[in-house]
Each structure stands twice: as structure tokens, then as C-alpha cells.
Protein backbone atom coordinates (compact mmCIF):
# COMPACT_ATOMS: atom_id res chain seq x y z
CA UNK A 1 0.19 -2.13 21.19
CA UNK A 2 1.95 1.34 21.05
CA UNK A 3 0.34 4.67 21.30
CA UNK A 4 0.28 7.43 19.32
CA UNK A 5 -0.49 11.65 19.77
CA UNK A 6 -2.31 12.43 16.57
CA UNK A 7 -2.64 16.72 16.53
CA UNK A 8 -4.57 18.80 13.50
CA UNK A 9 -1.52 21.59 12.21
CA UNK A 10 -3.66 22.75 9.43
CA UNK A 11 -7.30 23.47 8.18
CA UNK A 12 -9.67 21.36 6.53
CA UNK A 13 -11.52 23.69 4.51
CA UNK A 14 -10.86 23.18 0.78
CA UNK A 15 -10.09 19.60 1.71
CA UNK A 16 -12.17 16.53 -0.37
CA UNK A 17 -14.92 15.26 1.82
CA UNK A 18 -13.38 11.83 2.23
CA UNK A 19 -10.46 13.67 4.36
CA UNK A 20 -12.46 15.96 6.06
CA UNK A 21 -14.69 12.42 7.04
CA UNK A 22 -11.43 10.75 8.03
CA UNK A 23 -10.30 12.97 10.82
CA UNK A 24 -14.15 13.30 11.81
CA UNK A 25 -13.22 9.83 12.64
CA UNK A 26 -10.31 10.54 14.16
CA UNK A 27 -11.43 13.01 16.84
CA UNK A 28 -10.34 15.79 15.34
CA UNK A 29 -12.78 18.42 14.50
CA UNK A 30 -10.95 21.50 15.94
CA UNK A 31 -7.30 23.33 14.99
CA UNK A 32 -4.51 22.31 17.33
CA UNK A 33 -6.42 19.74 18.77
CA UNK A 34 -5.64 16.56 19.85
CA UNK A 35 -6.05 12.75 20.50
CA UNK A 36 -4.78 9.87 21.70
CA UNK A 37 -5.23 6.90 19.89
CA UNK A 38 -3.06 2.67 19.36
CA UNK A 39 -1.37 2.06 16.79
CA UNK A 40 -3.31 -0.32 15.22
CA UNK A 41 -2.62 -0.55 11.48
CA UNK A 42 -6.35 1.29 11.18
CA UNK A 43 -5.70 4.44 12.82
CA UNK A 44 -2.38 4.16 10.87
CA UNK A 45 -3.81 4.08 7.44
CA UNK A 46 -6.45 7.09 8.74
CA UNK A 47 -3.51 8.91 9.28
CA UNK A 48 -1.23 8.16 6.44
CA UNK A 49 -4.69 9.52 4.32
CA UNK A 50 -4.32 13.16 6.33
CA UNK A 51 -0.82 13.38 6.74
CA UNK A 52 -0.25 16.45 5.67
CA UNK A 53 -2.95 18.52 7.61
CA UNK A 54 -1.84 16.69 11.26
CA UNK A 55 0.91 16.15 13.22
CA UNK A 56 1.84 12.35 14.45
CA UNK A 57 4.15 12.26 18.09
CA UNK A 58 5.21 8.65 19.54
CA UNK A 59 4.60 8.06 22.48
């Protein structure tokens, strides 16, 4: 499976609670934090939900 790197580039302040929980589930708790995940449908769906807060780098 392909790997992706997800970086949080915008603040979670004033975001709905479900988007904050999605960022937590991805492992992003602070600005400019990066995490690496497998590109599974579940992870890609979470990234799509918070696409305006994160940046995706394909590896």
C-alpha cells in the first residue's frame, strides 16, 4: 500500500467538534505536525473531511 504524509497547516480553532476528533484520530494535535499513514480508504476519507486544514504529501 502507498504511504502518505499528512501535515496540519491550519488551526483547529473554530472548527466543528467532529473535525477536531478527525484530526486527533489522524494523530495531528498541533500546527505543523506531520504523521505518516498507509493510504487506506479510511485514512483518505478522514483526510478528505479535513482537507482545508491539512496538506497531503504522497511518498
